[in-house]
Amino acid sequence: MRRLTLGLILLATAAPSLAQEPPQGARSGTPQRIRNVMLKPGEKCPEAQGDEIVVCGRIDPEEQYRIPKEFRDAPVVAGNQSWTNRAQTMMDANRAGLPNSCSPVGTGGQTGCNQQLIDQWFEWRRAQRAEAAKVP
C-alpha cells in the first residue's frame, strides 16, 4: 500500500514537468538529418533545410595533411622502413639465379627481365605524375 501511495505521489509531482511545452523557437524531438560539411577557403556554410542540422568546419590548405610539411617528401631512411619493405628488399637482392630474377646465372633467370622493365616503367611514370602534381 505504501509503495502504491509513494508511486502516485511521484507521478503527481512529475506530471507538471512532463506537460510543459518547449521554449519559443526550440525544436522538439530529434532532427531527421545531421550533415557535416568541410569547407574550403571562400566557401559558405549551406543553409539547413527542413528538420536538419548543418555542422560546418574549415579546411586550412596548409594543414590539410596530418603529416607535418617538413616530413612529407623526406626520403625514407633504411632504419625507418617497415619490416615488409626490408624483407622485400632482401628477397629481391637474393633472387639471383631463381626464376623471374633477370639474372644470367641459373635456370629461368632471364624470365624476370621483362617484369623488371615493366616495374621500372611504372616507377618512372609514378615519379612523372608526382612531379606534374607539384607544378602549379
Protein backbone atom coordinates (compact mmCIF):
# COMPACT_ATOMS: atom_id res chain seq x y z
CA MET A 1 0.00 0.00 0.00
CA ARG A 2 2.85 2.37 0.84
CA ARG A 3 4.51 1.64 -2.49
CA LEU A 4 1.35 2.49 -4.39
CA THR A 5 0.93 5.75 -2.46
CA LEU A 6 4.58 6.66 -2.99
CA GLY A 7 4.29 5.87 -6.71
CA LEU A 8 1.21 8.09 -7.07
CA ILE A 9 2.93 10.96 -5.26
CA LEU A 10 5.97 10.72 -7.51
CA LEU A 11 3.79 10.57 -10.61
CA ALA A 12 1.78 13.57 -9.48
CA THR A 13 4.91 15.67 -8.88
CA ALA A 14 6.49 14.67 -12.23
CA ALA A 15 3.34 15.23 -14.33
CA PRO A 16 3.55 19.08 -14.45
CA SER A 17 7.16 18.98 -15.67
CA LEU A 18 6.26 16.50 -18.42
CA ALA A 19 3.37 18.66 -19.59
CA GLN A 20 5.49 21.79 -20.11
CA GLU A 21 5.98 22.98 -23.66
CA PRO A 22 9.44 23.74 -25.09
CA PRO A 23 10.54 27.39 -25.21
CA GLN A 24 9.68 29.53 -28.24
CA GLY A 25 11.96 28.69 -31.21
CA ALA A 26 13.21 25.40 -29.75
CA ARG A 27 12.77 22.30 -31.86
CA SER A 28 11.01 19.35 -30.36
CA GLY A 29 12.28 15.80 -30.92
CA THR A 30 15.46 14.76 -32.65
CA PRO A 31 16.47 16.06 -36.09
CA GLN A 32 15.93 13.75 -39.03
CA ARG A 33 19.34 14.54 -40.54
CA ILE A 34 22.67 15.88 -39.28
CA ARG A 35 25.02 16.99 -42.07
CA ASN A 36 28.77 17.55 -41.50
CA VAL A 37 30.37 19.76 -44.18
CA MET A 38 34.08 20.59 -44.53
CA LEU A 39 34.56 23.93 -46.30
CA LYS A 40 37.47 25.14 -48.40
CA PRO A 41 38.60 28.78 -48.11
CA GLY A 42 35.98 31.12 -49.57
CA GLU A 43 33.04 28.70 -49.31
CA LYS A 44 29.96 29.48 -47.25
CA CYS A 45 28.19 27.12 -44.90
CA PRO A 46 24.99 25.78 -46.55
CA GLU A 47 21.64 26.60 -45.00
CA ALA A 48 19.78 23.92 -43.08
CA GLN A 49 16.67 22.70 -44.87
CA GLY A 50 13.68 21.33 -43.06
CA ASP A 51 14.44 19.33 -39.94
CA GLU A 52 18.23 19.04 -40.28
CA ILE A 53 21.32 20.36 -38.54
CA VAL A 54 24.33 21.51 -40.56
CA VAL A 55 27.76 21.42 -38.87
CA CYS A 56 30.48 23.26 -40.80
CA GLY A 57 34.25 23.09 -40.42
CA ARG A 58 37.02 24.83 -42.35
CA ILE A 59 39.94 23.14 -44.11
CA ASP A 60 43.21 25.05 -43.89
CA PRO A 61 45.04 24.42 -47.22
CA GLU A 62 48.43 24.38 -45.49
CA GLU A 63 47.35 21.97 -42.75
CA GLN A 64 45.03 19.59 -44.60
CA TYR A 65 47.55 16.78 -44.21
CA ARG A 66 48.27 15.09 -40.91
CA ILE A 67 51.96 14.69 -41.71
CA PRO A 68 53.88 17.92 -40.99
CA LYS A 69 55.09 19.70 -44.13
CA GLU A 70 58.81 19.15 -43.43
CA PHE A 71 58.31 15.36 -43.29
CA ARG A 72 56.00 14.88 -46.31
CA ASP A 73 58.60 14.42 -49.06
CA ALA A 74 61.51 13.32 -46.90
CA PRO A 75 63.33 10.22 -48.13
CA VAL A 76 62.80 7.08 -46.10
CA VAL A 77 65.91 6.12 -44.15
CA ALA A 78 66.66 2.38 -44.23
CA GLY A 79 66.27 2.11 -40.45
CA ASN A 80 62.82 3.72 -40.64
CA GLN A 81 61.37 1.29 -43.17
CA SER A 82 58.73 -1.25 -42.30
CA TRP A 83 59.67 -4.90 -41.95
CA THR A 84 57.68 -5.65 -45.08
CA ASN A 85 59.85 -3.32 -47.16
CA ARG A 86 63.05 -4.66 -45.60
CA ALA A 87 62.05 -8.27 -46.29
CA GLN A 88 61.08 -7.42 -49.89
CA THR A 89 64.45 -5.72 -50.46
CA MET A 90 66.29 -8.75 -49.08
CA MET A 91 64.25 -11.11 -51.22
CA ASP A 92 64.91 -9.05 -54.35
CA ALA A 93 68.64 -8.93 -53.63
CA ASN A 94 68.85 -12.69 -53.03
CA ARG A 95 66.82 -13.78 -56.05
CA ALA A 96 69.82 -14.18 -58.37
CA GLY A 97 69.52 -17.44 -60.26
CA LEU A 98 65.88 -18.07 -59.36
CA PRO A 99 63.02 -17.92 -61.89
CA ASN A 100 61.88 -14.36 -62.70
CA SER A 101 65.12 -12.88 -61.30
CA CYS A 102 66.55 -11.34 -64.52
CA SER A 103 69.92 -12.96 -63.96
CA PRO A 104 72.29 -14.67 -66.45
CA VAL A 105 73.06 -17.21 -63.72
CA GLY A 106 70.78 -20.17 -63.06
CA THR A 107 67.80 -21.64 -64.84
CA GLY A 108 64.92 -19.32 -65.64
CA GLY A 109 66.79 -16.18 -64.56
CA GLN A 110 66.10 -14.45 -67.87
CA THR A 111 62.28 -14.57 -67.41
CA GLY A 112 62.23 -11.72 -64.89
CA CYS A 113 63.88 -9.15 -67.17
CA ASN A 114 60.60 -8.17 -68.81
CA GLN A 115 58.90 -7.80 -65.41
CA GLN A 116 61.82 -5.70 -64.18
CA LEU A 117 61.45 -3.36 -67.18
CA ILE A 118 57.70 -3.04 -66.54
CA ASP A 119 58.33 -2.25 -62.85
CA GLN A 120 60.90 0.40 -63.81
CA TRP A 121 58.42 1.98 -66.25
CA PHE A 122 55.68 2.10 -63.60
CA GLU A 123 58.12 3.70 -61.14
CA TRP A 124 59.18 6.27 -63.78
CA ARG A 125 55.51 7.02 -64.61
CA ARG A 126 54.63 7.45 -60.91
CA ALA A 127 57.55 9.88 -60.49
CA GLN A 128 56.39 11.86 -63.55
CA ARG A 129 52.85 12.14 -62.19
CA ALA A 130 54.16 13.23 -58.79
CA GLU A 131 56.34 15.87 -60.44
CA ALA A 132 53.41 17.11 -62.55
CA ALA A 133 51.23 17.38 -59.45
CA LYS A 134 53.81 19.61 -57.72
CA VAL A 135 53.94 22.17 -60.53
CA PRO A 136 51.16 24.76 -60.02
